[in-house]
Amino acid sequence: MPGHKVSFMHKLSMTNSGTFKLFVLRHGQSELNHENIFCGWIDAHLTEMGKRQASNSASLIKAYCQQHNISLPKIGYTSRLVRTQETMEVMMKTLGLDACFHVTTALLDAQEHVRKASSANMIPILQTWRLNERHYGSWQGLRKPEVLEQYGKDEYNFIRRNYYGRPPDVDLSKEMVQENDEQGPVTGYHFKEPNRKLKYTEETAERIQFPQSESLCDVVRRLTPFLVEIILRFAKQYGGSAIVVGHGSSVRSILKVLQNLSDDEIKDVEIPNGVPLLLELDLQDNSVVKHFYLDPELAKDEGKRRESRVTKE
């Protein structure tokens, strides 16, 4: 729609000086992306295609930095979900960089890890649950066409695309049963979210309350403090750039905040797997000077693949 194009594409400045950069991307294709299943906080691994996408993303970033005579990013971020970590690991290998991954829950903790990693000539990669995918509640692990049939087109589209739409809460008594538990077959879940107390030990120690389902609005609220206080702040302090590997919903949330998109505008923003989006931001007010995909044609192709999956739902 016209309003969306104006807000999303044309907040430009007359000069590139006094800016810093974020290379933001959605993880490479995961096993559940491939199967058209609601993934959410389920820990799905990358497919072989996903690994190739991650390597290509790194090559695109390297080529851009060489072309513009700037150094590679000196800091990176992932969610706490394995598909973003695997994406970043492949990227660091392709870039020929030694990385040190660290789960962070607070600003002081993040600063200390960055200091230690940098002093050891390693790239600090901060991992936070605040970059996690939207929690899809009881829809997690279910095939999208089945959910569409059960809920009907109107409610399905409202929950998926409305800024405040939220799926039914997950039943944690079922969701937390592990595959090696005898109760596993009776839970009704083909795929399960990892046991939170086992996976999120640092967050549990800090008594962080996790969601049982989320709207995009919920994702924006839990991500914004980390984006402003750590990602943007550290990008300015450490080399003027950063790599952020997130998910469809967390990348959309970043764009909504930084570009001040309306609740209606963000509804139609799609994020392809494994194509870096460059955000160039003003050093003074963090406004978006310009943004573009490093491979626009590839981004279009990935968008068409996603549309094809949607039409099959």
C-alpha atoms as a PDB file:
ATOM      1  CA  MET A   1       0.000   0.000   0.000  1.00  0.00           C
ATOM      2  CA  PRO A   2       1.248   3.552  -0.701  1.00  0.00           C
ATOM      3  CA  GLY A   3       1.589   4.587   2.957  1.00  0.00           C
ATOM      4  CA  HIS A   4       3.691   1.541   3.695  1.00  0.00           C
ATOM      5  CA  LYS A   5       6.103   2.249   0.846  1.00  0.00           C
ATOM      6  CA  VAL A   6       6.648   5.839   1.939  1.00  0.00           C
ATOM      7  CA  SER A   7       7.367   4.940   5.575  1.00  0.00           C
ATOM      8  CA  PHE A   8       9.413   1.831   4.889  1.00  0.00           C
ATOM      9  CA  MET A   9      11.507   2.902   1.933  1.00  0.00           C
ATOM     10  CA  HIS A  10      12.063   6.652   1.832  1.00  0.00           C
ATOM     11  CA  LYS A  11      13.339   7.945   5.180  1.00  0.00           C
ATOM     12  CA  LEU A  12      16.576   9.170   3.595  1.00  0.00           C
ATOM     13  CA  SER A  13      19.235  11.692   4.539  1.00  0.00           C
ATOM     14  CA  MET A  14      21.357  13.901   2.296  1.00  0.00           C
ATOM     15  CA  THR A  15      24.625  12.575   3.710  1.00  0.00           C
ATOM     16  CA  ASN A  16      26.156   9.284   4.836  1.00  0.00           C
ATOM     17  CA  SER A  17      28.472  10.934   7.378  1.00  0.00           C
ATOM     18  CA  GLY A  18      27.783  10.580  11.077  1.00  0.00           C
ATOM     19  CA  THR A  19      26.131   7.180  10.755  1.00  0.00           C
ATOM     20  CA  PHE A  20      26.519   3.622  11.984  1.00  0.00           C
ATOM     21  CA  LYS A  21      25.301   0.349  10.503  1.00  0.00           C
ATOM     22  CA  LEU A  22      23.335  -2.737  11.445  1.00  0.00           C
ATOM     23  CA  PHE A  23      23.431  -5.820   9.237  1.00  0.00           C
ATOM     24  CA  VAL A  24      20.151  -7.475  10.180  1.00  0.00           C
ATOM     25  CA  LEU A  25      18.898 -10.809   8.897  1.00  0.00           C
ATOM     26  CA  ARG A  26      16.497 -13.602   9.571  1.00  0.00           C
ATOM     27  CA  HIS A  27      18.183 -16.959  10.218  1.00  0.00           C
ATOM     28  CA  GLY A  28      18.696 -19.418   7.374  1.00  0.00           C
ATOM     29  CA  GLN A  29      15.941 -21.873   6.514  1.00  0.00           C
ATOM     30  CA  SER A  30      15.126 -24.197   9.423  1.00  0.00           C
ATOM     31  CA  GLU A  31      13.728 -27.709   9.405  1.00  0.00           C
ATOM     32  CA  LEU A  32      10.298 -26.433  10.413  1.00  0.00           C
ATOM     33  CA  ASN A  33      10.296 -23.570   7.875  1.00  0.00           C
ATOM     34  CA  HIS A  34      10.774 -26.273   5.278  1.00  0.00           C
ATOM     35  CA  GLU A  35       7.817 -28.262   6.659  1.00  0.00           C
ATOM     36  CA  ASN A  36       5.484 -25.206   6.919  1.00  0.00           C
ATOM     37  CA  ILE A  37       5.106 -25.672  10.678  1.00  0.00           C
ATOM     38  CA  PHE A  38       4.708 -22.968  13.336  1.00  0.00           C
ATOM     39  CA  CYS A  39       8.124 -22.989  14.978  1.00  0.00           C
ATOM     40  CA  GLY A  40       8.149 -20.209  17.581  1.00  0.00           C
ATOM     41  CA  TRP A  41      10.384 -21.214  20.480  1.00  0.00           C
ATOM     42  CA  ILE A  42      10.911 -24.777  19.267  1.00  0.00           C
ATOM     43  CA  ASP A  43      14.619 -25.405  18.644  1.00  0.00           C
ATOM     44  CA  ALA A  44      14.709 -26.389  14.969  1.00  0.00           C
ATOM     45  CA  HIS A  45      18.087 -26.814  13.281  1.00  0.00           C
ATOM     46  CA  LEU A  46      19.091 -25.342   9.931  1.00  0.00           C
ATOM     47  CA  THR A  47      18.570 -27.303   6.742  1.00  0.00           C
ATOM     48  CA  GLU A  48      21.434 -27.614   4.264  1.00  0.00           C
ATOM     49  CA  MET A  49      19.819 -24.780   2.334  1.00  0.00           C
ATOM     50  CA  GLY A  50      19.759 -22.743   5.543  1.00  0.00           C
ATOM     51  CA  LYS A  51      23.494 -23.255   5.986  1.00  0.00           C
ATOM     52  CA  ARG A  52      24.138 -22.145   2.409  1.00  0.00           C
ATOM     53  CA  GLN A  53      21.993 -19.065   3.010  1.00  0.00           C
ATOM     54  CA  ALA A  54      24.031 -18.235   6.112  1.00  0.00           C
ATOM     55  CA  SER A  55      27.320 -18.557   4.244  1.00  0.00           C
ATOM     56  CA  ASN A  56      26.021 -16.440   1.388  1.00  0.00           C
ATOM     57  CA  SER A  57      24.869 -13.784   3.877  1.00  0.00           C
ATOM     58  CA  ALA A  58      28.381 -13.537   5.259  1.00  0.00           C
ATOM     59  CA  SER A  59      29.837 -13.272   1.759  1.00  0.00           C
ATOM     60  CA  LEU A  60      27.446 -10.425   0.945  1.00  0.00           C
ATOM     61  CA  ILE A  61      28.439  -8.541   4.105  1.00  0.00           C
ATOM     62  CA  LYS A  62      32.140  -9.078   3.398  1.00  0.00           C
ATOM     63  CA  ALA A  63      31.776  -7.869  -0.196  1.00  0.00           C
ATOM     64  CA  TYR A  64      29.883  -4.759   0.938  1.00  0.00           C
ATOM     65  CA  CYS A  65      32.522  -3.891   3.531  1.00  0.00           C
ATOM     66  CA  GLN A  66      35.349  -4.368   1.030  1.00  0.00           C
ATOM     67  CA  GLN A  67      33.556  -2.302  -1.603  1.00  0.00           C
ATOM     68  CA  HIS A  68      33.045   0.585   0.821  1.00  0.00           C
ATOM     69  CA  ASN A  69      36.450   0.242   2.483  1.00  0.00           C
ATOM     70  CA  ILE A  70      35.056  -0.348   5.966  1.00  0.00           C
ATOM     71  CA  SER A  71      35.982  -2.975   8.533  1.00  0.00           C
ATOM     72  CA  LEU A  72      33.860  -6.032   9.207  1.00  0.00           C
ATOM     73  CA  PRO A  73      31.468  -5.786  12.164  1.00  0.00           C
ATOM     74  CA  LYS A  74      33.159  -6.342  15.514  1.00  0.00           C
ATOM     75  CA  ILE A  75      30.110  -7.507  17.459  1.00  0.00           C
ATOM     76  CA  GLY A  76      27.097  -9.713  16.802  1.00  0.00           C
ATOM     77  CA  TYR A  77      23.801 -10.823  18.310  1.00  0.00           C
ATOM     78  CA  THR A  78      21.562 -13.871  18.120  1.00  0.00           C
ATOM     79  CA  SER A  79      18.461 -15.082  19.878  1.00  0.00           C
ATOM     80  CA  ARG A  80      18.599 -18.007  22.292  1.00  0.00           C
ATOM     81  CA  LEU A  81      17.242 -20.366  19.646  1.00  0.00           C
ATOM     82  CA  VAL A  82      19.631 -22.740  17.933  1.00  0.00           C
ATOM     83  CA  ARG A  83      18.759 -21.760  14.366  1.00  0.00           C
ATOM     84  CA  THR A  84      20.150 -18.251  14.893  1.00  0.00           C
ATOM     85  CA  GLN A  85      23.279 -19.563  16.606  1.00  0.00           C
ATOM     86  CA  GLU A  86      23.917 -22.014  13.772  1.00  0.00           C
ATOM     87  CA  THR A  87      23.415 -19.200  11.262  1.00  0.00           C
ATOM     88  CA  MET A  88      25.925 -16.991  13.072  1.00  0.00           C
ATOM     89  CA  GLU A  89      28.431 -19.846  13.428  1.00  0.00           C
ATOM     90  CA  VAL A  90      28.387 -20.441   9.672  1.00  0.00           C
ATOM     91  CA  MET A  91      28.709 -16.710   9.039  1.00  0.00           C
ATOM     92  CA  MET A  92      31.704 -16.337  11.339  1.00  0.00           C
ATOM     93  CA  LYS A  93      33.407 -19.300   9.658  1.00  0.00           C
ATOM     94  CA  THR A  94      32.790 -17.817   6.209  1.00  0.00           C
ATOM     95  CA  LEU A  95      34.136 -14.450   7.368  1.00  0.00           C
ATOM     96  CA  GLY A  96      37.197 -16.125   8.893  1.00  0.00           C
ATOM     97  CA  LEU A  97      36.489 -14.671  12.335  1.00  0.00           C
ATOM     98  CA  ASP A  98      36.863 -16.277  15.758  1.00  0.00           C
ATOM     99  CA  ALA A  99      33.688 -15.741  17.757  1.00  0.00           C
ATOM    100  CA  CYS A 100      32.842 -16.117  21.426  1.00  0.00           C
ATOM    101  CA  PHE A 101      29.151 -16.744  22.233  1.00  0.00           C
ATOM    102  CA  HIS A 102      27.694 -15.564  25.530  1.00  0.00           C
ATOM    103  CA  VAL A 103      24.179 -15.547  26.967  1.00  0.00           C
ATOM    104  CA  THR A 104      23.401 -12.117  28.361  1.00  0.00           C
ATOM    105  CA  THR A 105      20.594 -10.897  30.596  1.00  0.00           C
ATOM    106  CA  ALA A 106      21.849  -7.461  31.681  1.00  0.00           C
ATOM    107  CA  LEU A 107      23.828  -4.464  30.439  1.00  0.00           C
ATOM    108  CA  LEU A 108      26.770  -4.881  32.823  1.00  0.00           C
ATOM    109  CA  ASP A 109      27.065  -8.562  31.967  1.00  0.00           C
ATOM    110  CA  ALA A 110      27.047  -7.726  28.249  1.00  0.00           C
ATOM    111  CA  GLN A 111      29.723  -5.050  28.673  1.00  0.00           C
ATOM    112  CA  GLU A 112      32.016  -7.422  30.542  1.00  0.00           C
ATOM    113  CA  HIS A 113      31.717 -10.135  27.902  1.00  0.00           C
ATOM    114  CA  VAL A 114      32.384  -7.692  25.082  1.00  0.00           C
ATOM    115  CA  ARG A 115      35.457  -6.401  26.909  1.00  0.00           C
ATOM    116  CA  LYS A 116      36.868  -9.902  27.481  1.00  0.00           C
ATOM    117  CA  ALA A 117      36.172 -11.117  23.954  1.00  0.00           C
ATOM    118  CA  SER A 118      37.629  -7.997  22.367  1.00  0.00           C
ATOM    119  CA  SER A 119      40.787  -8.189  24.475  1.00  0.00           C
ATOM    120  CA  ALA A 120      41.235 -11.768  23.244  1.00  0.00           C
ATOM    121  CA  ASN A 121      40.827 -10.609  19.619  1.00  0.00           C
ATOM    122  CA  MET A 122      37.559 -12.492  19.287  1.00  0.00           C
ATOM    123  CA  ILE A 123      34.175 -11.321  18.047  1.00  0.00           C
ATOM    124  CA  PRO A 124      31.684 -11.168  20.943  1.00  0.00           C
ATOM    125  CA  ILE A 125      28.313 -12.693  20.063  1.00  0.00           C
ATOM    126  CA  LEU A 126      25.660 -11.785  22.624  1.00  0.00           C
ATOM    127  CA  GLN A 127      22.704 -14.162  22.831  1.00  0.00           C
ATOM    128  CA  THR A 128      19.413 -12.967  24.282  1.00  0.00           C
ATOM    129  CA  TRP A 129      15.913 -14.376  24.603  1.00  0.00           C
ATOM    130  CA  ARG A 130      14.646 -10.898  23.722  1.00  0.00           C
ATOM    131  CA  LEU A 131      15.563 -11.614  20.088  1.00  0.00           C
ATOM    132  CA  ASN A 132      13.625 -14.898  20.132  1.00  0.00           C
ATOM    133  CA  GLU A 133      10.904 -15.549  17.607  1.00  0.00           C
ATOM    134  CA  ARG A 134       7.355 -14.686  18.588  1.00  0.00           C
ATOM    135  CA  HIS A 135       5.940 -17.371  20.885  1.00  0.00           C
ATOM    136  CA  TYR A 136       3.140 -19.018  18.943  1.00  0.00           C
ATOM    137  CA  GLY A 137       1.458 -20.527  21.988  1.00  0.00           C
ATOM    138  CA  SER A 138      -0.550 -23.683  21.368  1.00  0.00           C
ATOM    139  CA  TRP A 139       0.056 -23.350  17.620  1.00  0.00           C
ATOM    140  CA  GLN A 140       3.724 -24.297  18.002  1.00  0.00           C
ATOM    141  CA  GLY A 141       4.533 -27.585  16.313  1.00  0.00           C
ATOM    142  CA  LEU A 142       1.338 -27.568  14.243  1.00  0.00           C
ATOM    143  CA  ARG A 143       1.175 -27.414  10.472  1.00  0.00           C
ATOM    144  CA  LYS A 144      -0.142 -24.099   9.209  1.00  0.00           C
ATOM    145  CA  PRO A 145      -2.816 -25.543   6.872  1.00  0.00           C
ATOM    146  CA  GLU A 146      -4.235 -27.559   9.791  1.00  0.00           C
ATOM    147  CA  VAL A 147      -4.444 -24.459  11.999  1.00  0.00           C
ATOM    148  CA  LEU A 148      -6.095 -22.496   9.188  1.00  0.00           C
ATOM    149  CA  GLU A 149      -8.716 -25.191   8.763  1.00  0.00           C
ATOM    150  CA  GLN A 150      -9.391 -25.354  12.508  1.00  0.00           C
ATOM    151  CA  TYR A 151      -9.686 -21.591  13.156  1.00  0.00           C
ATOM    152  CA  GLY A 152     -11.020 -20.300   9.846  1.00  0.00           C
ATOM    153  CA  LYS A 153      -9.464 -17.683   7.586  1.00  0.00           C
ATOM    154  CA  ASP A 154     -10.569 -14.546   9.484  1.00  0.00           C
ATOM    155  CA  GLU A 155      -9.382 -15.578  12.950  1.00  0.00           C
ATOM    156  CA  TYR A 156      -6.256 -17.218  11.542  1.00  0.00           C
ATOM    157  CA  ASN A 157      -5.251 -14.046   9.668  1.00  0.00           C
ATOM    158  CA  PHE A 158      -6.085 -11.842  12.670  1.00  0.00           C
ATOM    159  CA  ILE A 159      -3.866 -13.854  14.995  1.00  0.00           C
ATOM    160  CA  ARG A 160      -1.041 -14.092  12.474  1.00  0.00           C
ATOM    161  CA  ARG A 161      -1.036 -10.553  11.098  1.00  0.00           C
ATOM    162  CA  ASN A 162      -2.839  -8.149  13.405  1.00  0.00           C
ATOM    163  CA  TYR A 163      -0.368  -6.286  15.629  1.00  0.00           C
ATOM    164  CA  TYR A 164      -2.305  -7.367  18.726  1.00  0.00           C
ATOM    165  CA  GLY A 165      -3.359 -10.833  17.559  1.00  0.00           C
ATOM    166  CA  ARG A 166      -2.229 -13.552  19.969  1.00  0.00           C
ATOM    167  CA  PRO A 167      -2.583 -17.347  19.679  1.00  0.00           C
ATOM    168  CA  PRO A 168      -4.068 -19.387  22.548  1.00  0.00           C
ATOM    169  CA  ASP A 169      -1.594 -19.982  25.395  1.00  0.00           C
ATOM    170  CA  VAL A 170       0.562 -23.049  25.250  1.00  0.00           C
ATOM    171  CA  ASP A 171      -0.199 -25.856  27.705  1.00  0.00           C
ATOM    172  CA  LEU A 172       3.175 -26.050  29.430  1.00  0.00           C
ATOM    173  CA  SER A 173       2.290 -29.328  31.124  1.00  0.00           C
ATOM    174  CA  LYS A 174       2.332 -30.843  27.641  1.00  0.00           C
ATOM    175  CA  GLU A 175       4.878 -28.608  25.983  1.00  0.00           C
ATOM    176  CA  MET A 176       7.575 -29.283  28.552  1.00  0.00           C
ATOM    177  CA  VAL A 177       7.431 -33.083  28.252  1.00  0.00           C
ATOM    178  CA  GLN A 178      10.657 -34.216  26.626  1.00  0.00           C
ATOM    179  CA  GLU A 179      11.016 -36.733  23.811  1.00  0.00           C
ATOM    180  CA  ASN A 180      12.544 -39.383  26.071  1.00  0.00           C
ATOM    181  CA  ASP A 181       9.661 -39.130  28.548  1.00  0.00           C
ATOM    182  CA  GLU A 182       7.163 -41.999  28.511  1.00  0.00           C
ATOM    183  CA  GLN A 183       4.343 -39.440  28.374  1.00  0.00           C
ATOM    184  CA  GLY A 184       5.685 -38.002  25.122  1.00  0.00           C
ATOM    185  CA  PRO A 185       3.364 -39.823  22.701  1.00  0.00           C
ATOM    186  CA  VAL A 186       0.186 -38.697  24.516  1.00  0.00           C
ATOM    187  CA  THR A 187       0.957 -34.978  24.524  1.00  0.00           C
ATOM    188  CA  GLY A 188      -0.155 -34.332  20.957  1.00  0.00           C
ATOM    189  CA  TYR A 189       3.037 -32.435  20.064  1.00  0.00           C
ATOM    190  CA  HIS A 190       5.123 -33.592  17.140  1.00  0.00           C
ATOM    191  CA  PHE A 191       7.773 -31.023  18.063  1.00  0.00           C
ATOM    192  CA  LYS A 192       8.395 -29.584  21.506  1.00  0.00           C
ATOM    193  CA  GLU A 193       9.818 -26.422  22.968  1.00  0.00           C
ATOM    194  CA  PRO A 194      12.933 -27.221  25.048  1.00  0.00           C
ATOM    195  CA  ASN A 195      12.464 -27.457  28.791  1.00  0.00           C
ATOM    196  CA  ARG A 196      12.806 -23.859  29.900  1.00  0.00           C
ATOM    197  CA  LYS A 197      14.584 -24.544  33.183  1.00  0.00           C
ATOM    198  CA  LEU A 198      17.210 -26.584  31.341  1.00  0.00           C
ATOM    199  CA  LYS A 199      17.719 -24.346  28.307  1.00  0.00           C
ATOM    200  CA  TYR A 200      17.290 -20.937  29.913  1.00  0.00           C
ATOM    201  CA  THR A 201      19.331 -21.431  33.087  1.00  0.00           C
ATOM    202  CA  GLU A 202      20.688 -17.863  33.145  1.00  0.00           C
ATOM    203  CA  GLU A 203      17.249 -16.348  32.661  1.00  0.00           C
ATOM    204  CA  THR A 204      15.717 -18.670  35.252  1.00  0.00           C
ATOM    205  CA  ALA A 205      18.342 -17.536  37.773  1.00  0.00           C
ATOM    206  CA  GLU A 206      17.298 -13.933  37.084  1.00  0.00           C
ATOM    207  CA  ARG A 207      13.618 -14.918  37.525  1.00  0.00           C
ATOM    208  CA  ILE A 208      12.709 -13.677  34.072  1.00  0.00           C
ATOM    209  CA  GLN A 209       9.078 -14.415  33.241  1.00  0.00           C
ATOM    210  CA  PHE A 210       8.646 -16.005  29.826  1.00  0.00           C
ATOM    211  CA  PRO A 211       5.483 -15.758  27.700  1.00  0.00           C
ATOM    212  CA  GLN A 212       3.038 -18.566  26.975  1.00  0.00           C
ATOM    213  CA  SER A 213       1.978 -16.887  23.714  1.00  0.00           C
ATOM    214  CA  GLU A 214       2.720 -13.550  22.056  1.00  0.00           C
ATOM    215  CA  SER A 215       1.436 -10.958  19.645  1.00  0.00           C
ATOM    216  CA  LEU A 216       3.860  -8.895  17.591  1.00  0.00           C
ATOM    217  CA  CYS A 217       3.157  -6.073  20.050  1.00  0.00           C
ATOM    218  CA  ASP A 218       4.480  -8.293  22.851  1.00  0.00           C
ATOM    219  CA  VAL A 219       7.659  -8.983  20.871  1.00  0.00           C
ATOM    220  CA  VAL A 220       8.242  -5.260  20.312  1.00  0.00           C
ATOM    221  CA  ARG A 221       7.832  -4.557  24.035  1.00  0.00           C
ATOM    222  CA  ARG A 222      10.323  -7.179  25.205  1.00  0.00           C
ATOM    223  CA  LEU A 223      12.861  -6.462  22.442  1.00  0.00           C
ATOM    224  CA  THR A 224      12.965  -2.646  22.483  1.00  0.00           C
ATOM    225  CA  PRO A 225      14.996  -2.166  25.711  1.00  0.00           C
ATOM    226  CA  PHE A 226      17.716  -4.530  24.463  1.00  0.00           C
ATOM    227  CA  LEU A 227      17.722  -2.900  21.032  1.00  0.00           C
ATOM    228  CA  VAL A 228      18.153   0.613  22.422  1.00  0.00           C
ATOM    229  CA  GLU A 229      20.356  -0.018  25.453  1.00  0.00           C
ATOM    230  CA  ILE A 230      22.690  -2.636  23.991  1.00  0.00           C
ATOM    231  CA  ILE A 231      22.504  -3.233  20.222  1.00  0.00           C
ATOM    232  CA  LEU A 232      22.454   0.417  19.135  1.00  0.00           C
ATOM    233  CA  ARG A 233      24.731   1.611  21.920  1.00  0.00           C
ATOM    234  CA  PHE A 234      27.386  -1.057  21.371  1.00  0.00           C
ATOM    235  CA  ALA A 235      27.324  -0.682  17.568  1.00  0.00           C
ATOM    236  CA  LYS A 236      28.366   2.945  18.030  1.00  0.00           C
ATOM    237  CA  GLN A 237      31.073   2.059  20.548  1.00  0.00           C
ATOM    238  CA  TYR A 238      32.591  -0.976  18.822  1.00  0.00           C
ATOM    239  CA  GLY A 239      33.539  -0.265  15.239  1.00  0.00           C
ATOM    240  CA  GLY A 240      30.380   1.436  14.034  1.00  0.00           C
ATOM    241  CA  SER A 241      28.502  -1.689  12.967  1.00  0.00           C
ATOM    242  CA  ALA A 242      26.993  -4.971  14.169  1.00  0.00           C
ATOM    243  CA  ILE A 243      25.419  -8.164  12.833  1.00  0.00           C
ATOM    244  CA  VAL A 244      22.009  -9.136  14.213  1.00  0.00           C
ATOM    245  CA  VAL A 245      20.620 -12.592  13.417  1.00  0.00           C
ATOM    246  CA  GLY A 246      16.994 -12.818  14.450  1.00  0.00           C
ATOM    247  CA  HIS A 247      13.667 -14.221  13.314  1.00  0.00           C
ATOM    248  CA  GLY A 248      10.809 -13.001  11.177  1.00  0.00           C
ATOM    249  CA  SER A 249       8.996 -11.381  14.099  1.00  0.00           C
ATOM    250  CA  SER A 250      12.053  -9.991  15.874  1.00  0.00           C
ATOM    251  CA  VAL A 251      13.440  -8.443  12.676  1.00  0.00           C
ATOM    252  CA  ARG A 252      10.020  -6.937  11.936  1.00  0.00           C
ATOM    253  CA  SER A 253       9.991  -5.560  15.483  1.00  0.00           C
ATOM    254  CA  ILE A 254      13.380  -3.913  14.961  1.00  0.00           C
ATOM    255  CA  LEU A 255      12.106  -2.275  11.780  1.00  0.00           C
ATOM    256  CA  LYS A 256       8.920  -1.094  13.479  1.00  0.00           C
ATOM    257  CA  VAL A 257      10.868   0.595  16.260  1.00  0.00           C
ATOM    258  CA  LEU A 258      13.645   2.140  14.181  1.00  0.00           C
ATOM    259  CA  GLN A 259      11.410   3.280  11.311  1.00  0.00           C
ATOM    260  CA  ASN A 260       8.465   4.198  13.497  1.00  0.00           C
ATOM    261  CA  LEU A 261       6.106   2.101  11.373  1.00  0.00           C
ATOM    262  CA  SER A 262       2.436   2.118  12.307  1.00  0.00           C
ATOM    263  CA  ASP A 263       0.633  -0.971  13.575  1.00  0.00           C
ATOM    264  CA  ASP A 264      -1.011  -1.272  10.175  1.00  0.00           C
ATOM    265  CA  GLU A 265       2.177  -0.730   8.146  1.00  0.00           C
ATOM    266  CA  ILE A 266       4.137  -3.472   9.897  1.00  0.00           C
ATOM    267  CA  LYS A 267       1.401  -5.974   9.101  1.00  0.00           C
ATOM    268  CA  ASP A 268       2.540  -6.327   5.482  1.00  0.00           C
ATOM    269  CA  VAL A 269       6.314  -6.399   6.042  1.00  0.00           C
ATOM    270  CA  GLU A 270       7.821  -9.782   5.135  1.00  0.00           C
ATOM    271  CA  ILE A 271      11.349 -10.878   6.047  1.00  0.00           C
ATOM    272  CA  PRO A 272      13.109 -13.466   3.835  1.00  0.00           C
ATOM    273  CA  ASN A 273      15.369 -16.154   5.252  1.00  0.00           C
ATOM    274  CA  GLY A 274      19.086 -15.495   5.055  1.00  0.00           C
ATOM    275  CA  VAL A 275      19.294 -12.169   3.183  1.00  0.00           C
ATOM    276  CA  PRO A 276      21.111  -9.344   5.041  1.00  0.00           C
ATOM    277  CA  LEU A 277      19.278  -6.040   5.354  1.00  0.00           C
ATOM    278  CA  LEU A 278      21.577  -3.052   5.859  1.00  0.00           C
ATOM    279  CA  LEU A 279      20.234  -0.347   8.159  1.00  0.00           C
ATOM    280  CA  GLU A 280      22.285   2.845   8.189  1.00  0.00           C
ATOM    281  CA  LEU A 281      21.389   4.934  11.238  1.00  0.00           C
ATOM    282  CA  ASP A 282      22.079   8.480  12.366  1.00  0.00           C
ATOM    283  CA  LEU A 283      24.562   8.617  15.248  1.00  0.00           C
ATOM    284  CA  GLN A 284      22.638  11.337  17.058  1.00  0.00           C
ATOM    285  CA  ASP A 285      19.018  10.193  17.027  1.00  0.00           C
ATOM    286  CA  ASN A 286      19.182   6.589  15.685  1.00  0.00           C
ATOM    287  CA  SER A 287      16.879   7.484  12.795  1.00  0.00           C
ATOM    288  CA  VAL A 288      17.149   5.370   9.647  1.00  0.00           C
ATOM    289  CA  VAL A 289      19.181   7.219   7.023  1.00  0.00           C
ATOM    290  CA  LYS A 290      18.726   4.479   4.444  1.00  0.00           C
ATOM    291  CA  HIS A 291      18.195   0.753   4.237  1.00  0.00           C
ATOM    292  CA  PHE A 292      18.343  -1.924   1.582  1.00  0.00           C
ATOM    293  CA  TYR A 293      18.893  -5.649   1.108  1.00  0.00           C
ATOM    294  CA  LEU A 294      22.442  -6.517   0.085  1.00  0.00           C
ATOM    295  CA  ASP A 295      20.927  -8.793  -2.582  1.00  0.00           C
ATOM    296  CA  PRO A 296      17.538  -7.306  -3.555  1.00  0.00           C
ATOM    297  CA  GLU A 297      16.811  -9.930  -6.211  1.00  0.00           C
ATOM    298  CA  LEU A 298      17.463 -12.773  -3.789  1.00  0.00           C
ATOM    299  CA  ALA A 299      15.181 -11.098  -1.249  1.00  0.00           C
ATOM    300  CA  LYS A 300      12.431 -10.972  -3.882  1.00  0.00           C
ATOM    301  CA  ASP A 301      12.933 -14.645  -4.740  1.00  0.00           C
ATOM    302  CA  GLU A 302      12.716 -15.629  -1.077  1.00  0.00           C
ATOM    303  CA  GLY A 303       9.577 -13.529  -0.752  1.00  0.00           C
ATOM    304  CA  LYS A 304       8.001 -15.393  -3.651  1.00  0.00           C
ATOM    305  CA  ARG A 305       8.816 -18.719  -1.988  1.00  0.00           C
ATOM    306  CA  ARG A 306       7.081 -17.552   1.177  1.00  0.00           C
ATOM    307  CA  GLU A 307       4.048 -16.387  -0.776  1.00  0.00           C
ATOM    308  CA  SER A 308       3.907 -19.777  -2.460  1.00  0.00           C
ATOM    309  CA  ARG A 309       3.800 -21.511   0.932  1.00  0.00           C
ATOM    310  CA  VAL A 310       1.077 -19.143   2.144  1.00  0.00           C
ATOM    311  CA  THR A 311      -1.137 -19.891  -0.853  1.00  0.00           C
ATOM    312  CA  LYS A 312      -0.900 -23.581   0.007  1.00  0.00           C
ATOM    313  CA  GLU A 313      -2.220 -22.993   3.534  1.00  0.00           C
END
